[in-house]
Amino acid sequence: MLFLGSSYVVLGQFKTYVILLGGFLLFDSNPGILSICGAITAVGGMSTYTYLHMLCWNFIIFINIFIHLLIPNCTAV
């Protein structure tokens, strides 16, 4: 299985959320407005990155299929 750098970033962010949520639920600690805003910003950034990345891959697949329809024996991309 291929792991990209972004996979480790997402895993690290998930660990951060688990720690924040665990601290709130188990120890009744208040993470603060800055931590909550940072978590929301990180989720928004990861969501935007994933959306744009998937959009790019869908475009590449579409172009590849289009090329194969025009030139059936072509092995491009």
N, C-alpha and C. Protein backbone atom coordinates (compact mmCIF):
# COMPACT_ATOMS: atom_id res chain seq x y z
N MET A 1 0.84 -1.18 0.00
CA MET A 1 0.00 0.00 0.00
C MET A 1 0.89 1.24 0.00
N LEU A 2 0.52 2.22 -0.76
CA LEU A 2 1.29 3.45 -0.89
C LEU A 2 0.82 4.49 0.12
N PHE A 3 1.76 4.99 0.91
CA PHE A 3 1.44 6.05 1.86
C PHE A 3 2.10 7.33 1.40
N LEU A 4 1.32 8.35 1.24
CA LEU A 4 1.83 9.65 0.85
C LEU A 4 2.08 10.49 2.10
N GLY A 5 2.81 11.58 1.92
CA GLY A 5 3.05 12.48 3.04
C GLY A 5 1.77 13.01 3.65
N SER A 6 0.77 13.23 2.79
CA SER A 6 -0.50 13.76 3.29
C SER A 6 -1.22 12.75 4.18
N SER A 7 -0.98 11.45 3.96
CA SER A 7 -1.59 10.42 4.81
C SER A 7 -1.09 10.56 6.25
N TYR A 8 0.20 10.83 6.41
CA TYR A 8 0.75 11.00 7.74
C TYR A 8 0.25 12.28 8.39
N VAL A 9 0.02 13.31 7.60
CA VAL A 9 -0.52 14.56 8.13
C VAL A 9 -1.93 14.33 8.65
N VAL A 10 -2.76 13.62 7.87
CA VAL A 10 -4.13 13.34 8.28
C VAL A 10 -4.13 12.49 9.55
N LEU A 11 -3.24 11.50 9.61
CA LEU A 11 -3.15 10.67 10.81
C LEU A 11 -2.74 11.50 12.02
N GLY A 12 -1.79 12.40 11.83
CA GLY A 12 -1.37 13.28 12.92
C GLY A 12 -2.48 14.19 13.39
N GLN A 13 -3.25 14.73 12.44
CA GLN A 13 -4.38 15.58 12.81
C GLN A 13 -5.43 14.77 13.58
N PHE A 14 -5.68 13.54 13.15
CA PHE A 14 -6.65 12.69 13.84
C PHE A 14 -6.21 12.44 15.27
N LYS A 15 -4.92 12.18 15.47
CA LYS A 15 -4.42 11.98 16.83
C LYS A 15 -4.63 13.23 17.67
N THR A 16 -4.43 14.39 17.08
CA THR A 16 -4.65 15.64 17.80
C THR A 16 -6.09 15.78 18.24
N TYR A 17 -7.03 15.45 17.34
CA TYR A 17 -8.45 15.55 17.69
C TYR A 17 -8.82 14.56 18.79
N VAL A 18 -8.25 13.35 18.72
CA VAL A 18 -8.54 12.35 19.75
C VAL A 18 -8.02 12.83 21.11
N ILE A 19 -6.84 13.43 21.12
CA ILE A 19 -6.28 13.96 22.38
C ILE A 19 -7.13 15.10 22.92
N LEU A 20 -7.54 16.02 22.03
CA LEU A 20 -8.39 17.13 22.48
C LEU A 20 -9.73 16.63 23.02
N LEU A 21 -10.35 15.71 22.27
CA LEU A 21 -11.65 15.18 22.69
C LEU A 21 -11.52 14.34 23.95
N GLY A 22 -10.46 13.52 24.00
CA GLY A 22 -10.24 12.69 25.20
C GLY A 22 -10.00 13.53 26.44
N GLY A 23 -9.22 14.60 26.29
CA GLY A 23 -8.99 15.48 27.43
C GLY A 23 -10.27 16.15 27.89
N PHE A 24 -11.12 16.50 26.94
CA PHE A 24 -12.39 17.15 27.30
C PHE A 24 -13.33 16.15 27.99
N LEU A 25 -13.44 14.93 27.44
CA LEU A 25 -14.38 13.96 27.98
C LEU A 25 -13.89 13.31 29.27
N LEU A 26 -12.62 12.96 29.33
CA LEU A 26 -12.11 12.23 30.50
C LEU A 26 -11.71 13.14 31.65
N PHE A 27 -11.11 14.27 31.34
CA PHE A 27 -10.55 15.12 32.39
C PHE A 27 -11.27 16.46 32.52
N ASP A 28 -12.31 16.66 31.74
CA ASP A 28 -13.10 17.89 31.78
C ASP A 28 -12.23 19.14 31.57
N SER A 29 -11.23 18.99 30.65
CA SER A 29 -10.38 20.15 30.37
C SER A 29 -10.95 20.95 29.20
N ASN A 30 -10.81 22.24 29.28
CA ASN A 30 -11.30 23.12 28.23
C ASN A 30 -10.16 23.37 27.25
N PRO A 31 -10.29 22.93 25.97
CA PRO A 31 -9.20 23.09 25.02
C PRO A 31 -8.95 24.54 24.61
N GLY A 32 -9.89 25.42 24.81
CA GLY A 32 -9.72 26.82 24.45
C GLY A 32 -10.18 27.11 23.04
N ILE A 33 -10.56 28.35 22.82
CA ILE A 33 -11.13 28.75 21.53
C ILE A 33 -10.09 28.69 20.42
N LEU A 34 -8.83 28.96 20.74
CA LEU A 34 -7.77 28.93 19.73
C LEU A 34 -7.54 27.50 19.22
N SER A 35 -7.54 26.53 20.12
CA SER A 35 -7.38 25.13 19.71
C SER A 35 -8.56 24.66 18.88
N ILE A 36 -9.75 25.05 19.25
CA ILE A 36 -10.95 24.65 18.51
C ILE A 36 -10.94 25.28 17.11
N CYS A 37 -10.59 26.55 17.03
CA CYS A 37 -10.50 27.21 15.72
C CYS A 37 -9.41 26.58 14.86
N GLY A 38 -8.29 26.21 15.46
CA GLY A 38 -7.22 25.54 14.72
C GLY A 38 -7.66 24.20 14.19
N ALA A 39 -8.42 23.44 15.00
CA ALA A 39 -8.91 22.14 14.56
C ALA A 39 -9.90 22.29 13.41
N ILE A 40 -10.78 23.26 13.50
CA ILE A 40 -11.75 23.50 12.43
C ILE A 40 -11.04 23.93 11.15
N THR A 41 -10.04 24.79 11.28
CA THR A 41 -9.27 25.22 10.12
C THR A 41 -8.54 24.05 9.47
N ALA A 42 -7.96 23.17 10.30
CA ALA A 42 -7.24 22.00 9.77
C ALA A 42 -8.19 21.06 9.03
N VAL A 43 -9.37 20.83 9.59
CA VAL A 43 -10.35 19.96 8.92
C VAL A 43 -10.79 20.59 7.60
N GLY A 44 -11.02 21.90 7.61
CA GLY A 44 -11.40 22.58 6.36
C GLY A 44 -10.30 22.50 5.32
N GLY A 45 -9.05 22.67 5.74
CA GLY A 45 -7.93 22.58 4.82
C GLY A 45 -7.77 21.19 4.24
N MET A 46 -7.88 20.17 5.09
CA MET A 46 -7.77 18.79 4.60
C MET A 46 -8.92 18.44 3.67
N SER A 47 -10.10 18.91 3.98
CA SER A 47 -11.25 18.65 3.12
C SER A 47 -11.09 19.31 1.76
N THR A 48 -10.63 20.55 1.76
CA THR A 48 -10.40 21.26 0.50
C THR A 48 -9.32 20.58 -0.32
N TYR A 49 -8.22 20.19 0.33
CA TYR A 49 -7.14 19.50 -0.36
C TYR A 49 -7.64 18.20 -0.97
N THR A 50 -8.40 17.41 -0.21
CA THR A 50 -8.92 16.14 -0.72
C THR A 50 -9.85 16.37 -1.90
N TYR A 51 -10.71 17.35 -1.81
CA TYR A 51 -11.64 17.64 -2.91
C TYR A 51 -10.87 18.02 -4.18
N LEU A 52 -9.90 18.92 -4.05
CA LEU A 52 -9.14 19.35 -5.22
C LEU A 52 -8.28 18.22 -5.78
N HIS A 53 -7.73 17.39 -4.90
CA HIS A 53 -6.93 16.26 -5.35
C HIS A 53 -7.78 15.26 -6.13
N MET A 54 -8.96 14.96 -5.61
CA MET A 54 -9.86 14.03 -6.30
C MET A 54 -10.36 14.62 -7.61
N LEU A 55 -10.59 15.91 -7.64
CA LEU A 55 -11.01 16.58 -8.87
C LEU A 55 -9.93 16.45 -9.94
N CYS A 56 -8.68 16.62 -9.53
CA CYS A 56 -7.55 16.50 -10.46
C CYS A 56 -7.46 15.07 -10.99
N TRP A 57 -7.56 14.07 -10.11
CA TRP A 57 -7.47 12.68 -10.56
C TRP A 57 -8.63 12.33 -11.49
N ASN A 58 -9.83 12.81 -11.20
CA ASN A 58 -10.97 12.54 -12.08
C ASN A 58 -10.74 13.16 -13.46
N PHE A 59 -10.12 14.34 -13.50
CA PHE A 59 -9.82 14.98 -14.78
C PHE A 59 -8.79 14.17 -15.56
N ILE A 60 -7.76 13.67 -14.88
CA ILE A 60 -6.74 12.86 -15.55
C ILE A 60 -7.36 11.57 -16.09
N ILE A 61 -8.22 10.93 -15.32
CA ILE A 61 -8.88 9.70 -15.79
C ILE A 61 -9.77 10.01 -16.99
N PHE A 62 -10.51 11.13 -16.94
CA PHE A 62 -11.36 11.51 -18.06
C PHE A 62 -10.54 11.72 -19.33
N ILE A 63 -9.42 12.44 -19.21
CA ILE A 63 -8.56 12.69 -20.37
C ILE A 63 -8.00 11.38 -20.91
N ASN A 64 -7.59 10.48 -20.03
CA ASN A 64 -7.06 9.19 -20.45
C ASN A 64 -8.10 8.38 -21.22
N ILE A 65 -9.33 8.36 -20.72
CA ILE A 65 -10.41 7.64 -21.42
C ILE A 65 -10.70 8.31 -22.76
N PHE A 66 -10.72 9.62 -22.78
CA PHE A 66 -10.98 10.35 -24.02
C PHE A 66 -9.91 10.04 -25.07
N ILE A 67 -8.64 10.01 -24.65
CA ILE A 67 -7.55 9.68 -25.58
C ILE A 67 -7.72 8.26 -26.12
N HIS A 68 -8.08 7.33 -25.24
CA HIS A 68 -8.26 5.95 -25.67
C HIS A 68 -9.45 5.79 -26.61
N LEU A 69 -10.45 6.63 -26.47
CA LEU A 69 -11.58 6.58 -27.40
C LEU A 69 -11.19 7.11 -28.77
N LEU A 70 -10.35 8.16 -28.78
CA LEU A 70 -9.90 8.74 -30.05
C LEU A 70 -8.87 7.85 -30.74
N ILE A 71 -7.93 7.34 -29.96
CA ILE A 71 -6.85 6.50 -30.50
C ILE A 71 -6.86 5.19 -29.72
N PRO A 72 -7.57 4.16 -30.19
CA PRO A 72 -7.79 2.95 -29.41
C PRO A 72 -6.50 2.23 -28.96
N ASN A 73 -5.44 2.26 -29.75
CA ASN A 73 -4.23 1.53 -29.40
C ASN A 73 -3.19 2.39 -28.69
N CYS A 74 -3.57 3.55 -28.23
CA CYS A 74 -2.65 4.47 -27.58
C CYS A 74 -2.44 4.06 -26.12
N THR A 75 -1.20 4.16 -25.65
CA THR A 75 -0.89 3.86 -24.24
C THR A 75 -0.39 5.11 -23.54
N ALA A 76 -1.07 6.21 -23.70
CA ALA A 76 -0.67 7.48 -23.10
C ALA A 76 -1.04 7.53 -21.63
N VAL A 77 -0.38 8.39 -20.92
CA VAL A 77 -0.58 8.70 -19.50
C VAL A 77 -0.63 7.45 -18.68
